[in-house]
N, C-alpha and C. Protein backbone atom coordinates (compact mmCIF):
# COMPACT_ATOMS: atom_id res chain seq x y z
N UNK A 1 163.62 157.98 115.85
CA UNK A 1 162.63 157.58 116.78
C UNK A 1 161.90 158.72 117.43
N UNK A 2 162.73 159.74 117.77
CA UNK A 2 162.29 161.07 118.39
C UNK A 2 161.10 161.65 117.65
N UNK A 3 161.31 161.86 116.28
CA UNK A 3 160.56 162.49 115.33
C UNK A 3 159.05 161.67 115.33
N UNK A 4 159.00 160.41 115.40
CA UNK A 4 157.82 159.67 115.41
C UNK A 4 157.09 159.99 116.77
N UNK A 5 157.70 159.94 118.05
CA UNK A 5 157.04 160.37 119.17
C UNK A 5 156.67 161.70 119.20
N UNK A 6 157.37 162.80 118.59
CA UNK A 6 156.89 164.11 118.54
C UNK A 6 155.74 164.11 117.66
N UNK A 7 155.75 163.52 116.62
CA UNK A 7 154.55 163.49 115.64
C UNK A 7 153.22 162.92 116.21
N UNK A 8 153.36 161.81 117.07
CA UNK A 8 152.24 161.30 117.79
C UNK A 8 151.80 162.23 118.81
N UNK A 9 152.60 162.88 119.51
CA UNK A 9 152.10 163.87 120.48
C UNK A 9 151.35 164.88 119.86
N UNK A 10 151.88 165.46 118.76
CA UNK A 10 151.13 166.68 118.01
C UNK A 10 149.68 166.07 117.51
N UNK A 11 149.75 165.06 116.89
CA UNK A 11 148.51 164.46 116.47
C UNK A 11 147.41 164.33 117.68
N UNK A 12 147.98 163.79 118.74
CA UNK A 12 147.02 163.62 119.87
C UNK A 12 146.65 164.97 120.50
N UNK A 13 147.49 166.06 120.60
CA UNK A 13 147.19 167.38 121.16
C UNK A 13 146.27 167.89 120.03
N UNK A 14 146.26 167.85 118.84
CA UNK A 14 145.29 168.54 117.85
C UNK A 14 144.05 167.84 117.82
N UNK A 15 143.93 166.49 118.08
CA UNK A 15 142.62 165.79 118.22
C UNK A 15 141.97 166.26 119.30
N UNK A 16 142.73 166.40 120.47
CA UNK A 16 142.11 166.79 121.77
C UNK A 16 141.47 168.12 121.68
N UNK A 17 142.26 169.18 120.86
CA UNK A 17 141.76 170.53 120.91
C UNK A 17 140.39 170.37 120.11
N UNK A 18 140.17 169.59 119.21
CA UNK A 18 139.05 169.62 118.43
C UNK A 18 137.87 168.95 119.31
N UNK A 19 138.20 168.06 120.30
CA UNK A 19 137.22 167.60 120.99
C UNK A 19 136.66 168.76 121.99
N UNK A 20 137.42 169.53 122.33
CA UNK A 20 136.90 170.67 123.16
C UNK A 20 136.12 171.63 122.54
N UNK A 21 135.94 171.75 121.14
CA UNK A 21 135.22 172.61 120.37
C UNK A 21 133.80 171.88 120.12
N UNK A 22 133.61 170.60 120.47
CA UNK A 22 132.53 169.74 120.22
C UNK A 22 132.16 169.68 118.83
N UNK A 23 133.29 169.51 117.97
CA UNK A 23 132.97 169.21 116.65
C UNK A 23 133.18 167.59 116.41
N UNK A 24 132.03 167.29 115.93
CA UNK A 24 131.90 165.83 115.76
C UNK A 24 131.07 165.66 114.47
N UNK A 25 131.59 164.60 113.84
CA UNK A 25 131.12 164.39 112.42
C UNK A 25 131.50 163.15 112.00
N UNK A 26 130.56 162.26 111.49
CA UNK A 26 130.80 160.94 111.06
C UNK A 26 129.88 160.62 109.94
N UNK A 27 130.53 159.93 108.93
CA UNK A 27 129.80 159.60 107.84
C UNK A 27 130.37 158.13 107.26
N UNK A 28 129.49 157.19 107.28
CA UNK A 28 129.76 155.76 106.97
C UNK A 28 128.78 155.08 106.11
N UNK A 29 129.18 154.19 105.48
CA UNK A 29 128.23 153.27 104.77
C UNK A 29 128.14 151.89 105.76
N UNK A 30 126.94 151.62 106.03
CA UNK A 30 126.96 150.41 107.01
C UNK A 30 125.68 149.51 106.62
N UNK A 31 125.78 148.47 107.13
CA UNK A 31 124.64 147.44 107.03
C UNK A 31 123.39 147.83 107.94
N UNK A 32 122.27 147.69 107.32
CA UNK A 32 120.96 147.94 108.08
C UNK A 32 120.13 146.67 108.00
N UNK A 33 119.16 146.49 108.63
CA UNK A 33 118.21 145.42 109.00
C UNK A 33 117.41 145.13 107.77
N UNK A 34 117.33 143.94 107.21
CA UNK A 34 116.34 143.41 106.27
C UNK A 34 115.07 143.03 107.22
N UNK A 35 113.95 143.40 107.03
CA UNK A 35 112.72 143.20 107.86
C UNK A 35 111.84 142.23 107.08
N UNK A 36 112.01 142.25 105.77
CA UNK A 36 110.96 141.42 104.97
C UNK A 36 111.67 140.91 103.59
N UNK A 37 111.74 139.82 103.21
CA UNK A 37 112.13 139.55 101.84
C UNK A 37 111.23 138.43 101.35
N UNK A 38 111.13 138.42 99.89
CA UNK A 38 110.16 137.47 99.18
C UNK A 38 110.91 137.00 98.12
N UNK A 39 111.32 135.74 98.34
CA UNK A 39 112.04 135.21 97.16
C UNK A 39 111.25 133.86 96.70
N UNK A 40 110.81 133.89 95.33
CA UNK A 40 110.18 132.86 94.87
C UNK A 40 110.68 131.27 95.09
N UNK A 41 109.82 130.47 95.32
CA UNK A 41 110.08 129.08 95.83
C UNK A 41 110.71 128.39 94.55
N UNK A 42 109.84 128.44 93.46
CA UNK A 42 110.14 127.61 92.23
C UNK A 42 109.94 128.45 91.06
N UNK A 43 111.00 128.43 90.22
CA UNK A 43 110.86 129.36 89.13
C UNK A 43 111.60 128.53 87.67
N UNK A 44 111.30 128.83 86.53
CA UNK A 44 111.80 128.27 85.44
C UNK A 44 113.28 129.04 85.10
N UNK A 45 114.06 128.20 84.43
CA UNK A 45 115.32 128.59 84.14
C UNK A 45 115.32 129.66 82.90
N UNK A 46 116.15 130.63 82.90
CA UNK A 46 116.34 131.67 81.86
C UNK A 46 115.08 132.52 82.05
N UNK A 47 114.29 132.66 82.98
CA UNK A 47 113.18 133.57 83.06
C UNK A 47 113.51 134.71 84.11
N UNK A 48 112.82 135.88 83.84
CA UNK A 48 113.04 136.90 84.72
C UNK A 48 112.07 136.77 85.92
N UNK A 49 112.68 136.86 87.24
CA UNK A 49 111.94 136.80 88.29
C UNK A 49 112.21 138.01 89.32
N UNK A 50 111.34 138.36 90.23
CA UNK A 50 111.60 139.46 91.13
C UNK A 50 111.72 138.99 92.46
N UNK A 51 112.59 139.61 93.27
CA UNK A 51 112.74 139.34 94.68
C UNK A 51 112.62 140.69 95.35
N UNK A 52 111.46 140.56 96.30
CA UNK A 52 110.98 141.84 96.92
C UNK A 52 111.68 141.86 98.34
N UNK A 53 112.29 143.03 98.70
CA UNK A 53 112.87 143.10 99.94
C UNK A 53 112.64 144.47 100.63
N UNK A 54 112.47 144.55 101.88
CA UNK A 54 112.34 145.75 102.86
C UNK A 54 113.17 145.86 103.86
N UNK A 55 113.68 147.01 104.12
CA UNK A 55 114.52 147.28 105.26
C UNK A 55 114.15 148.27 106.19
N UNK A 56 114.91 148.40 107.08
CA UNK A 56 114.55 149.86 108.10
C UNK A 56 115.82 150.01 108.86
N UNK A 57 116.19 151.30 109.17
CA UNK A 57 117.22 151.96 110.00
C UNK A 57 116.55 152.46 111.14
N UNK A 58 117.47 152.58 112.38
CA UNK A 58 116.73 152.88 113.47
C UNK A 58 116.54 154.41 113.90
N UNK A 59 117.25 155.13 112.98
CA UNK A 59 116.94 156.78 113.35
C UNK A 59 117.24 157.63 112.08
N UNK A 60 116.99 159.01 112.01
CA UNK A 60 117.15 159.74 111.06
C UNK A 60 118.40 160.03 110.62
N UNK A 61 119.48 159.43 111.20
CA UNK A 61 120.79 159.77 110.69
C UNK A 61 121.14 158.91 109.45
N UNK A 62 120.19 157.98 109.13
CA UNK A 62 120.44 156.85 108.17
C UNK A 62 119.71 157.46 106.86
N UNK A 63 120.35 157.37 105.61
CA UNK A 63 119.60 157.62 104.30
C UNK A 63 120.13 156.65 103.20
N UNK A 64 119.54 156.86 102.13
CA UNK A 64 119.96 156.25 100.95
C UNK A 64 120.02 154.53 101.14
N UNK A 65 119.07 153.85 101.68
CA UNK A 65 118.98 152.58 101.99
C UNK A 65 118.95 151.87 100.49
N UNK A 66 119.79 151.01 100.32
CA UNK A 66 120.02 150.46 99.07
C UNK A 66 120.26 148.64 99.30
N UNK A 67 120.06 147.95 98.32
CA UNK A 67 120.19 146.45 98.51
C UNK A 67 121.30 145.97 97.58
N UNK A 68 122.08 144.99 98.09
CA UNK A 68 123.13 144.31 97.38
C UNK A 68 122.89 142.81 97.27
N UNK A 69 122.66 142.26 96.01
CA UNK A 69 122.66 140.90 95.86
C UNK A 69 123.92 140.49 95.04
N UNK A 70 124.54 139.57 95.99
CA UNK A 70 126.03 139.09 95.45
C UNK A 70 126.15 137.85 95.27
N UNK A 71 126.73 137.33 94.16
CA UNK A 71 126.93 135.84 93.67
C UNK A 71 128.12 135.48 94.69
N UNK A 72 127.93 134.36 95.30
CA UNK A 72 129.04 133.96 96.21
C UNK A 72 129.59 132.68 95.71
N UNK A 73 128.82 132.04 94.73
CA UNK A 73 129.25 130.72 94.20
C UNK A 73 128.23 130.50 93.06
N UNK A 74 128.33 129.32 92.54
CA UNK A 74 127.33 129.07 91.31
C UNK A 74 126.02 129.05 91.64
N UNK A 75 125.68 128.57 92.80
CA UNK A 75 124.29 128.45 93.21
C UNK A 75 124.02 129.11 94.60
N UNK A 76 124.95 130.06 94.95
CA UNK A 76 124.74 130.72 96.32
C UNK A 76 124.78 132.27 96.06
N UNK A 77 123.99 132.92 96.79
CA UNK A 77 123.85 134.31 96.79
C UNK A 77 123.59 134.95 98.22
N UNK A 78 124.29 136.24 98.34
CA UNK A 78 123.94 136.86 99.62
C UNK A 78 123.11 138.09 99.31
N UNK A 79 122.11 138.35 100.18
CA UNK A 79 121.37 139.58 100.12
C UNK A 79 121.53 140.48 101.30
N UNK A 80 122.15 141.71 101.13
CA UNK A 80 122.31 142.67 102.21
C UNK A 80 121.68 144.09 101.89
N UNK A 81 121.33 144.71 103.12
CA UNK A 81 120.62 146.10 103.00
C UNK A 81 121.87 147.02 103.45
N UNK A 82 122.08 148.12 102.77
CA UNK A 82 123.11 149.03 103.26
C UNK A 82 122.51 150.35 103.31
N UNK A 83 123.10 151.24 103.98
CA UNK A 83 122.73 152.68 104.12
C UNK A 83 123.92 153.64 104.51
N UNK A 84 123.63 154.85 104.27
CA UNK A 84 124.51 155.84 104.73
C UNK A 84 124.10 156.26 106.02
N UNK A 85 125.08 156.39 107.09
CA UNK A 85 125.03 157.05 108.24
C UNK A 85 125.67 158.21 108.44
N UNK A 86 125.05 159.42 108.70
CA UNK A 86 125.87 160.60 108.65
C UNK A 86 125.23 161.35 109.86
N UNK A 87 126.07 161.78 110.87
CA UNK A 87 125.74 162.47 112.10
C UNK A 87 126.74 163.56 112.61
N UNK A 88 126.32 164.50 112.95
CA UNK A 88 126.98 165.68 113.60
C UNK A 88 127.06 165.44 115.13
N UNK A 89 126.57 164.36 115.69
CA UNK A 89 126.44 164.29 117.17
C UNK A 89 125.00 163.73 117.63
N UNK A 90 124.08 164.14 117.09
CA UNK A 90 122.73 163.83 117.50
C UNK A 90 121.98 163.34 116.14
N UNK A 91 120.83 162.40 116.33
CA UNK A 91 120.06 161.96 115.28
C UNK A 91 118.68 162.16 115.49
N UNK A 92 118.01 162.53 114.44
CA UNK A 92 116.61 162.75 114.52
C UNK A 92 115.90 161.42 114.86
N UNK A 93 114.83 161.49 115.71
CA UNK A 93 114.07 160.27 115.96
C UNK A 93 113.11 159.81 114.70
N UNK A 94 112.83 158.52 114.76
CA UNK A 94 112.15 158.06 113.55
C UNK A 94 112.80 157.01 112.88
N UNK A 95 112.03 156.05 112.38
CA UNK A 95 112.60 154.79 111.55
C UNK A 95 112.52 155.22 110.18
N UNK A 96 113.82 154.96 109.41
CA UNK A 96 114.02 155.02 108.03
C UNK A 96 113.65 153.74 107.37
N UNK A 97 112.74 153.62 106.35
CA UNK A 97 112.51 152.60 105.43
C UNK A 97 112.92 152.60 104.13
N UNK A 98 113.35 151.24 103.69
CA UNK A 98 113.63 151.24 102.24
C UNK A 98 112.99 149.95 101.69
N UNK A 99 112.64 149.95 100.39
CA UNK A 99 112.15 148.78 99.78
C UNK A 99 112.69 148.86 98.33
N UNK A 100 112.68 147.62 97.71
CA UNK A 100 113.12 147.48 96.36
C UNK A 100 112.73 146.15 95.71
N UNK A 101 112.67 146.04 94.55
CA UNK A 101 112.37 144.86 93.80
C UNK A 101 113.52 144.53 93.05
N UNK A 102 114.16 143.46 93.18
CA UNK A 102 115.57 143.01 92.60
C UNK A 102 115.14 142.03 91.53
N UNK A 103 115.44 142.25 90.22
CA UNK A 103 115.37 141.37 89.16
C UNK A 103 116.55 140.16 89.33
N UNK A 104 115.95 138.94 89.04
CA UNK A 104 116.82 137.76 89.04
C UNK A 104 116.63 136.76 87.93
N UNK A 105 117.54 136.54 87.19
CA UNK A 105 117.31 135.66 86.17
C UNK A 105 118.43 134.59 86.18
N UNK A 106 117.87 133.26 86.53
CA UNK A 106 118.84 132.15 86.78
C UNK A 106 119.41 131.68 85.45
N UNK A 107 120.53 131.25 85.46
CA UNK A 107 121.14 130.67 84.14
C UNK A 107 121.39 129.19 84.25
N UNK A 108 121.14 128.60 85.32
CA UNK A 108 121.33 126.94 85.40
C UNK A 108 119.97 126.45 86.26
N UNK A 109 119.86 125.19 85.88
CA UNK A 109 118.75 124.67 86.86
C UNK A 109 119.41 124.12 88.03
N UNK A 110 118.72 123.92 89.18
CA UNK A 110 119.24 123.44 90.23
C UNK A 110 118.66 124.12 91.62
N UNK A 111 119.11 123.98 92.67
CA UNK A 111 118.76 124.58 93.87
C UNK A 111 119.61 125.70 94.41
N UNK A 112 119.17 126.85 94.32
CA UNK A 112 119.74 128.06 94.61
C UNK A 112 119.58 128.60 96.08
N UNK A 113 120.79 128.87 96.73
CA UNK A 113 120.55 129.27 98.19
C UNK A 113 121.00 130.64 98.34
N UNK A 114 120.02 131.40 99.04
CA UNK A 114 120.11 132.77 99.33
C UNK A 114 120.41 133.04 100.92
N UNK A 115 121.42 133.69 101.28
CA UNK A 115 121.60 134.21 102.60
C UNK A 115 121.27 135.49 102.70
N UNK A 116 120.09 135.64 103.49
CA UNK A 116 119.40 136.98 103.70
C UNK A 116 119.97 137.54 104.94
N UNK A 117 120.70 138.78 104.99
CA UNK A 117 121.35 139.31 106.27
C UNK A 117 120.07 140.20 106.94
N UNK A 118 119.60 139.64 107.96
CA UNK A 118 118.44 140.33 108.51
C UNK A 118 118.99 141.20 109.64
N UNK A 119 120.26 140.97 110.14
CA UNK A 119 120.73 141.86 111.25
C UNK A 119 122.05 141.46 111.46
N UNK A 120 122.79 142.15 112.37
CA UNK A 120 124.31 141.77 112.57
C UNK A 120 124.80 140.26 112.84
N UNK A 121 123.82 139.65 113.57
CA UNK A 121 123.99 138.18 113.85
C UNK A 121 123.06 137.39 113.35
N UNK A 122 122.12 137.78 112.56
CA UNK A 122 120.74 136.88 112.11
C UNK A 122 120.86 136.78 110.58
N UNK A 123 121.09 135.65 110.16
CA UNK A 123 121.30 135.32 108.75
C UNK A 123 120.20 134.16 108.37
N UNK A 124 119.19 134.64 107.51
CA UNK A 124 118.36 133.71 107.24
C UNK A 124 118.50 132.96 105.81
N UNK A 125 118.32 131.73 105.73
CA UNK A 125 118.70 131.03 104.48
C UNK A 125 117.38 130.70 103.85
N UNK A 126 117.38 131.20 102.59
CA UNK A 126 116.07 130.79 101.65
C UNK A 126 116.55 130.12 100.43
N UNK A 127 115.65 129.32 99.90
CA UNK A 127 116.13 128.46 98.75
C UNK A 127 115.16 128.74 97.51
N UNK A 128 115.67 128.67 96.39
CA UNK A 128 114.83 128.74 95.13
C UNK A 128 115.16 127.47 94.38
N UNK A 129 114.12 126.78 93.80
CA UNK A 129 114.29 125.65 92.86
C UNK A 129 114.12 126.08 91.63
N UNK A 130 115.27 126.06 90.66
CA UNK A 130 114.97 126.42 89.25
C UNK A 130 114.98 125.21 88.43
N UNK A 131 114.06 125.17 87.54
CA UNK A 131 113.86 123.90 86.77
C UNK A 131 113.74 124.22 85.23
């Protein structure tokens, strides 16, 4: 038990020493806001269709904004925007924008549901009829 306590004290001491040097660095992949999406209302089965999507991030620490369309069920999909947040303590001002066209080819007729993640607590549901 004593070695565990000693190890914790050493780790805390080392982390506090680095704080005194003002060394701060973080790099994570996180979700950003989708500001606009266009999902076709009605399409034909087995045809190529396009989903247009735009996103934004709040400052210059964000980069490489991308989009992820994930199949959640037979007729359910989720659409999210992701980016890399990298900071040494301060971020340049300015909004970072991203846009893309996602090709979508349905394989069954029916009503498709898309959950578009607009923000951390804002999910918009859009539908597509495939005939």
